[in-house]
Structure formats: structure tokens, C-alpha cells
């Protein structure tokens, strides 16, 4: 028996305008589900293995940690990295999910998990789906309010980082909102 001229049977899938977006949407939802699962798994490991917690020593460290979660999203999300006295990550908190161009922030919510975990410092981060990492006036105003609240709560706000597609901007390095 020879297979020289044999044809491999390939399934024929026809995409109608209705099925093609559904398949793409399901793929995106599946990927986002995997990211959420990874986030939960990471927090579980951070709690169970405190000696292995990564340390954040620079805005680049924070951006590298968070970019895989928020860097390529098509909507804005704000996350908080809660840190201990030695700047080791206690946990990551997905705080808000907004639209393509905005996310409403309630300052009290930024510190909620940090207070529960007795964290001494936080780093706030969010993404810009547009790939433009320039801080908006709203970004600066929110940062200023978060820093002021942190002073009242005795929780240091070390930075506010904007991530997008492998790039980042540190509002603290630019002197925006940290006066």
C-alpha cells in the first residue's frame, strides 16, 4: 500500500459573518480567562512562598511585572501592587476595568487591600490601550489624590506606572503628582 498520491482529508470550515467574530471573541475571552487564572495563581504563590516574592526596585521592575497582565489590553485597567517594607510584592490587585479611554477611580478602593494585608507601600499602574504612554491630566490628578491619601494612611505610594505594549512611563520619574 502506497500513499504517494493520497490526499489528506482536511475539514472544511465555512465562516459566515456571524460565526467569524464569535470565534475571535471566544479566543479573546479564553485568553483573558487564562490571564485571570495566572493572576490568581501568582497571588496564591506570593502568599504561600513569602521568601520567593519578587522585589520592586525601579519603575522598570513594576512595568515588567505588570505588562504581561495589562500591556496589550484593548481597554483600560488599573492595578495596585502591594509591597512590604523591603519592597517585596505582597500581591497584585486588579482594581478597575474601564473602557477604551477611561476608568473611574475611587481613591479609597486603591488602599483597601493594602490595609487588609498590612502593606507599607503600593505602586499603582494602569494601561493605555492606544499605545501612547503619555500621562493625561486626569492621570496626574488621580496620582496626586492617591499620594495625598497614602500620606494620611501612612502607606507610601512609590509610583504610578503607565504600561502599554512593552513601554512604560513613571509619573514619579517625571515629577507628576508626587509633590
C-alpha atoms as a PDB file:
ATOM      1  CA  UNK A   1       0.000   0.000   0.000  1.00  0.00           C
ATOM      2  CA  UNK A   2       1.484   3.381  -1.022  1.00  0.00           C
ATOM      3  CA  UNK A   3       0.470   6.875  -0.016  1.00  0.00           C
ATOM      4  CA  UNK A   4       2.169   8.822  -2.792  1.00  0.00           C
ATOM      5  CA  UNK A   5      -0.967  10.243  -4.328  1.00  0.00           C
ATOM      6  CA  UNK A   6      -3.147  10.030  -1.246  1.00  0.00           C
ATOM      7  CA  UNK A   7      -4.979  13.186  -0.287  1.00  0.00           C
ATOM      8  CA  UNK A   8      -5.141  14.204   3.341  1.00  0.00           C
ATOM      9  CA  UNK A   9      -8.710  14.870   4.368  1.00  0.00           C
ATOM     10  CA  UNK A  10      -8.968  18.420   5.660  1.00  0.00           C
ATOM     11  CA  UNK A  11     -12.102  19.644   7.330  1.00  0.00           C
ATOM     12  CA  UNK A  12     -13.822  22.427   5.510  1.00  0.00           C
ATOM     13  CA  UNK A  13     -14.950  25.240   7.766  1.00  0.00           C
ATOM     14  CA  UNK A  14     -17.017  27.998   6.293  1.00  0.00           C
ATOM     15  CA  UNK A  15     -17.099  31.296   8.103  1.00  0.00           C
ATOM     16  CA  UNK A  16     -20.216  33.305   7.867  1.00  0.00           C
ATOM     17  CA  UNK A  17     -20.244  36.907   9.063  1.00  0.00           C
ATOM     18  CA  UNK A  18     -21.944  35.704  12.235  1.00  0.00           C
ATOM     19  CA  UNK A  19     -19.509  32.895  13.156  1.00  0.00           C
ATOM     20  CA  UNK A  20     -16.179  34.580  12.480  1.00  0.00           C
ATOM     21  CA  UNK A  21     -16.481  37.317  15.168  1.00  0.00           C
ATOM     22  CA  UNK A  22     -17.849  34.768  17.616  1.00  0.00           C
ATOM     23  CA  UNK A  23     -14.799  32.544  17.179  1.00  0.00           C
ATOM     24  CA  UNK A  24     -12.495  35.531  17.619  1.00  0.00           C
ATOM     25  CA  UNK A  25     -14.435  36.720  20.672  1.00  0.00           C
ATOM     26  CA  UNK A  26     -14.282  33.250  22.207  1.00  0.00           C
ATOM     27  CA  UNK A  27     -10.499  33.173  21.664  1.00  0.00           C
ATOM     28  CA  UNK A  28     -10.117  36.576  23.342  1.00  0.00           C
ATOM     29  CA  UNK A  29     -12.326  35.518  26.253  1.00  0.00           C
ATOM     30  CA  UNK A  30     -10.335  32.310  26.584  1.00  0.00           C
ATOM     31  CA  UNK A  31      -7.061  34.257  26.691  1.00  0.00           C
ATOM     32  CA  UNK A  32      -8.422  36.744  29.241  1.00  0.00           C
ATOM     33  CA  UNK A  33      -9.609  33.815  31.348  1.00  0.00           C
ATOM     34  CA  UNK A  34      -6.096  32.354  31.279  1.00  0.00           C
ATOM     35  CA  UNK A  35      -4.657  35.717  32.344  1.00  0.00           C
ATOM     36  CA  UNK A  36      -7.116  35.929  35.253  1.00  0.00           C
ATOM     37  CA  UNK A  37      -6.183  32.385  36.265  1.00  0.00           C
ATOM     38  CA  UNK A  38      -2.479  33.288  36.104  1.00  0.00           C
ATOM     39  CA  UNK A  39      -3.154  36.348  38.282  1.00  0.00           C
ATOM     40  CA  UNK A  40      -4.903  34.194  40.904  1.00  0.00           C
ATOM     41  CA  UNK A  41      -2.141  31.596  40.750  1.00  0.00           C
ATOM     42  CA  UNK A  42       0.554  34.254  41.196  1.00  0.00           C
ATOM     43  CA  UNK A  43      -1.176  35.734  44.245  1.00  0.00           C
ATOM     44  CA  UNK A  44      -1.531  32.234  45.739  1.00  0.00           C
ATOM     45  CA  UNK A  45       2.201  31.635  45.250  1.00  0.00           C
ATOM     46  CA  UNK A  46       3.076  35.049  46.689  1.00  0.00           C
ATOM     47  CA  UNK A  47       1.110  34.242  49.863  1.00  0.00           C
ATOM     48  CA  UNK A  48       2.413  30.675  50.213  1.00  0.00           C
ATOM     49  CA  UNK A  49       6.074  31.425  49.446  1.00  0.00           C
ATOM     50  CA  UNK A  50       6.919  34.758  51.068  1.00  0.00           C
ATOM     51  CA  UNK A  51      10.682  34.194  50.690  1.00  0.00           C
ATOM     52  CA  UNK A  52      10.317  33.961  46.905  1.00  0.00           C
ATOM     53  CA  UNK A  53       8.415  37.212  46.420  1.00  0.00           C
ATOM     54  CA  UNK A  54       9.865  39.436  43.710  1.00  0.00           C
ATOM     55  CA  UNK A  55      11.307  42.757  44.758  1.00  0.00           C
ATOM     56  CA  UNK A  56      10.423  46.030  43.049  1.00  0.00           C
ATOM     57  CA  UNK A  57      13.407  48.381  42.983  1.00  0.00           C
ATOM     58  CA  UNK A  58      12.527  50.557  39.991  1.00  0.00           C
ATOM     59  CA  UNK A  59       9.646  51.590  37.742  1.00  0.00           C
ATOM     60  CA  UNK A  60      11.023  49.158  35.137  1.00  0.00           C
ATOM     61  CA  UNK A  61      10.636  46.280  37.634  1.00  0.00           C
ATOM     62  CA  UNK A  62       6.998  47.218  38.187  1.00  0.00           C
ATOM     63  CA  UNK A  63       6.336  47.596  34.463  1.00  0.00           C
ATOM     64  CA  UNK A  64       7.959  44.219  33.716  1.00  0.00           C
ATOM     65  CA  UNK A  65       5.776  42.547  36.327  1.00  0.00           C
ATOM     66  CA  UNK A  66       2.533  44.117  35.121  1.00  0.00           C
ATOM     67  CA  UNK A  67       2.958  44.424  31.360  1.00  0.00           C
ATOM     68  CA  UNK A  68       2.002  40.799  30.744  1.00  0.00           C
ATOM     69  CA  UNK A  69      -1.321  41.418  32.519  1.00  0.00           C
ATOM     70  CA  UNK A  70      -2.294  44.850  31.198  1.00  0.00           C
ATOM     71  CA  UNK A  71       0.127  45.904  28.458  1.00  0.00           C
ATOM     72  CA  UNK A  72      -1.826  44.627  25.468  1.00  0.00           C
ATOM     73  CA  UNK A  73      -5.436  45.031  26.565  1.00  0.00           C
ATOM     74  CA  UNK A  74      -7.992  46.856  24.417  1.00  0.00           C
ATOM     75  CA  UNK A  75      -9.491  48.603  27.458  1.00  0.00           C
ATOM     76  CA  UNK A  76      -8.046  50.394  30.475  1.00  0.00           C
ATOM     77  CA  UNK A  77      -7.379  48.551  33.708  1.00  0.00           C
ATOM     78  CA  UNK A  78      -5.898  49.863  36.927  1.00  0.00           C
ATOM     79  CA  UNK A  79      -3.885  47.553  39.149  1.00  0.00           C
ATOM     80  CA  UNK A  80      -2.190  48.007  42.511  1.00  0.00           C
ATOM     81  CA  UNK A  81       0.989  46.237  43.588  1.00  0.00           C
ATOM     82  CA  UNK A  82       1.013  45.920  47.378  1.00  0.00           C
ATOM     83  CA  UNK A  83       4.503  45.829  48.882  1.00  0.00           C
ATOM     84  CA  UNK A  84       6.067  45.057  52.250  1.00  0.00           C
ATOM     85  CA  UNK A  85       8.787  47.117  53.977  1.00  0.00           C
ATOM     86  CA  UNK A  86      11.504  45.649  51.753  1.00  0.00           C
ATOM     87  CA  UNK A  87       9.518  46.334  48.577  1.00  0.00           C
ATOM     88  CA  UNK A  88       8.731  42.666  48.053  1.00  0.00           C
ATOM     89  CA  UNK A  89       5.425  42.056  46.302  1.00  0.00           C
ATOM     90  CA  UNK A  90       2.672  41.012  48.700  1.00  0.00           C
ATOM     91  CA  UNK A  91       0.056  40.703  45.957  1.00  0.00           C
ATOM     92  CA  UNK A  92      -1.338  42.195  42.765  1.00  0.00           C
ATOM     93  CA  UNK A  93      -4.811  43.654  42.781  1.00  0.00           C
ATOM     94  CA  UNK A  94      -6.863  44.303  39.666  1.00  0.00           C
ATOM     95  CA  UNK A  95      -8.744  47.347  40.844  1.00  0.00           C
ATOM     96  CA  UNK A  96     -10.711  48.736  37.930  1.00  0.00           C
ATOM     97  CA  UNK A  97     -11.643  47.852  34.395  1.00  0.00           C
ATOM     98  CA  UNK A  98     -12.717  50.744  32.256  1.00  0.00           C
ATOM     99  CA  UNK A  99     -13.462  51.483  28.642  1.00  0.00           C
ATOM    100  CA  UNK A 100     -11.132  52.120  25.732  1.00  0.00           C
ATOM    101  CA  UNK A 101     -10.211  55.558  27.021  1.00  0.00           C
ATOM    102  CA  UNK A 102     -11.124  55.850  30.690  1.00  0.00           C
ATOM    103  CA  UNK A 103     -11.545  54.235  34.053  1.00  0.00           C
ATOM    104  CA  UNK A 104     -13.235  55.796  37.069  1.00  0.00           C
ATOM    105  CA  UNK A 105     -11.187  55.623  40.268  1.00  0.00           C
ATOM    106  CA  UNK A 106     -12.421  55.758  43.852  1.00  0.00           C
ATOM    107  CA  UNK A 107      -9.341  56.613  45.904  1.00  0.00           C
ATOM    108  CA  UNK A 108     -10.440  54.614  48.962  1.00  0.00           C
ATOM    109  CA  UNK A 109     -10.537  51.403  46.920  1.00  0.00           C
ATOM    110  CA  UNK A 110      -6.903  51.857  45.920  1.00  0.00           C
ATOM    111  CA  UNK A 111      -5.811  51.255  49.529  1.00  0.00           C
ATOM    112  CA  UNK A 112      -8.380  48.673  50.612  1.00  0.00           C
ATOM    113  CA  UNK A 113      -6.299  45.523  50.037  1.00  0.00           C
ATOM    114  CA  UNK A 114      -3.101  47.250  51.165  1.00  0.00           C
ATOM    115  CA  UNK A 115      -4.738  47.992  54.521  1.00  0.00           C
ATOM    116  CA  UNK A 116      -6.071  44.426  54.839  1.00  0.00           C
ATOM    117  CA  UNK A 117      -2.627  42.981  54.026  1.00  0.00           C
ATOM    118  CA  UNK A 118      -0.796  45.485  56.234  1.00  0.00           C
ATOM    119  CA  UNK A 119       1.270  46.617  53.241  1.00  0.00           C
ATOM    120  CA  UNK A 120       3.605  49.517  53.835  1.00  0.00           C
ATOM    121  CA  UNK A 121       3.764  50.707  50.232  1.00  0.00           C
ATOM    122  CA  UNK A 122       1.957  50.459  46.914  1.00  0.00           C
ATOM    123  CA  UNK A 123       2.625  51.026  43.254  1.00  0.00           C
ATOM    124  CA  UNK A 124      -0.329  51.983  41.097  1.00  0.00           C
ATOM    125  CA  UNK A 125      -0.353  51.001  37.452  1.00  0.00           C
ATOM    126  CA  UNK A 126      -2.695  51.236  34.528  1.00  0.00           C
ATOM    127  CA  UNK A 127      -2.523  50.787  30.792  1.00  0.00           C
ATOM    128  CA  UNK A 128      -3.265  52.964  27.791  1.00  0.00           C
ATOM    129  CA  UNK A 129      -4.786  50.829  25.011  1.00  0.00           C
ATOM    130  CA  UNK A 130      -3.792  53.482  22.470  1.00  0.00           C
ATOM    131  CA  UNK A 131      -0.072  52.642  22.992  1.00  0.00           C
ATOM    132  CA  UNK A 132       0.541  56.307  23.893  1.00  0.00           C
ATOM    133  CA  UNK A 133       2.081  56.170  27.368  1.00  0.00           C
ATOM    134  CA  UNK A 134       1.921  59.935  27.901  1.00  0.00           C
ATOM    135  CA  UNK A 135       0.109  60.729  31.161  1.00  0.00           C
ATOM    136  CA  UNK A 136      -3.158  62.616  30.766  1.00  0.00           C
ATOM    137  CA  UNK A 137      -4.156  65.476  33.090  1.00  0.00           C
ATOM    138  CA  UNK A 138      -6.623  63.017  34.703  1.00  0.00           C
ATOM    139  CA  UNK A 139      -3.773  60.550  35.320  1.00  0.00           C
ATOM    140  CA  UNK A 140      -1.802  63.268  37.118  1.00  0.00           C
ATOM    141  CA  UNK A 141      -4.828  64.399  39.159  1.00  0.00           C
ATOM    142  CA  UNK A 142      -5.638  60.835  40.244  1.00  0.00           C
ATOM    143  CA  UNK A 143      -1.990  60.263  41.151  1.00  0.00           C
ATOM    144  CA  UNK A 144      -1.935  63.419  43.267  1.00  0.00           C
ATOM    145  CA  UNK A 145      -5.093  62.321  45.125  1.00  0.00           C
ATOM    146  CA  UNK A 146      -3.703  58.795  45.699  1.00  0.00           C
ATOM    147  CA  UNK A 147      -0.398  60.168  47.032  1.00  0.00           C
ATOM    148  CA  UNK A 148      -2.239  62.511  49.431  1.00  0.00           C
ATOM    149  CA  UNK A 149      -4.443  59.674  50.691  1.00  0.00           C
ATOM    150  CA  UNK A 150      -1.371  57.475  51.137  1.00  0.00           C
ATOM    151  CA  UNK A 151       0.226  60.113  53.358  1.00  0.00           C
ATOM    152  CA  UNK A 152      -2.887  60.146  55.563  1.00  0.00           C
ATOM    153  CA  UNK A 153      -2.898  56.342  55.777  1.00  0.00           C
ATOM    154  CA  UNK A 154       0.885  56.048  56.255  1.00  0.00           C
ATOM    155  CA  UNK A 155       1.166  53.918  53.113  1.00  0.00           C
ATOM    156  CA  UNK A 156       3.879  55.076  50.736  1.00  0.00           C
ATOM    157  CA  UNK A 157       2.838  55.485  47.109  1.00  0.00           C
ATOM    158  CA  UNK A 158       6.105  54.657  45.376  1.00  0.00           C
ATOM    159  CA  UNK A 159       4.977  55.269  41.817  1.00  0.00           C
ATOM    160  CA  UNK A 160       2.200  55.353  39.262  1.00  0.00           C
ATOM    161  CA  UNK A 161       3.260  53.498  36.131  1.00  0.00           C
ATOM    162  CA  UNK A 162       1.520  53.547  32.752  1.00  0.00           C
ATOM    163  CA  UNK A 163       2.165  50.407  30.672  1.00  0.00           C
ATOM    164  CA  UNK A 164       1.402  49.748  27.048  1.00  0.00           C
ATOM    165  CA  UNK A 165       2.795  47.185  24.622  1.00  0.00           C
ATOM    166  CA  UNK A 166       6.179  46.773  26.311  1.00  0.00           C
ATOM    167  CA  UNK A 167       6.667  50.501  27.016  1.00  0.00           C
ATOM    168  CA  UNK A 168       6.095  52.320  30.292  1.00  0.00           C
ATOM    169  CA  UNK A 169       6.045  55.776  31.836  1.00  0.00           C
ATOM    170  CA  UNK A 170       6.753  56.526  35.503  1.00  0.00           C
ATOM    171  CA  UNK A 171       4.815  59.518  36.771  1.00  0.00           C
ATOM    172  CA  UNK A 172       7.190  59.767  39.733  1.00  0.00           C
ATOM    173  CA  UNK A 173      10.258  59.965  37.465  1.00  0.00           C
ATOM    174  CA  UNK A 174       8.521  62.741  35.540  1.00  0.00           C
ATOM    175  CA  UNK A 175       7.606  64.536  38.772  1.00  0.00           C
ATOM    176  CA  UNK A 176       3.877  64.371  38.039  1.00  0.00           C
ATOM    177  CA  UNK A 177       1.534  64.104  41.020  1.00  0.00           C
ATOM    178  CA  UNK A 178       4.290  63.464  43.577  1.00  0.00           C
ATOM    179  CA  UNK A 179       4.881  66.945  45.012  1.00  0.00           C
END
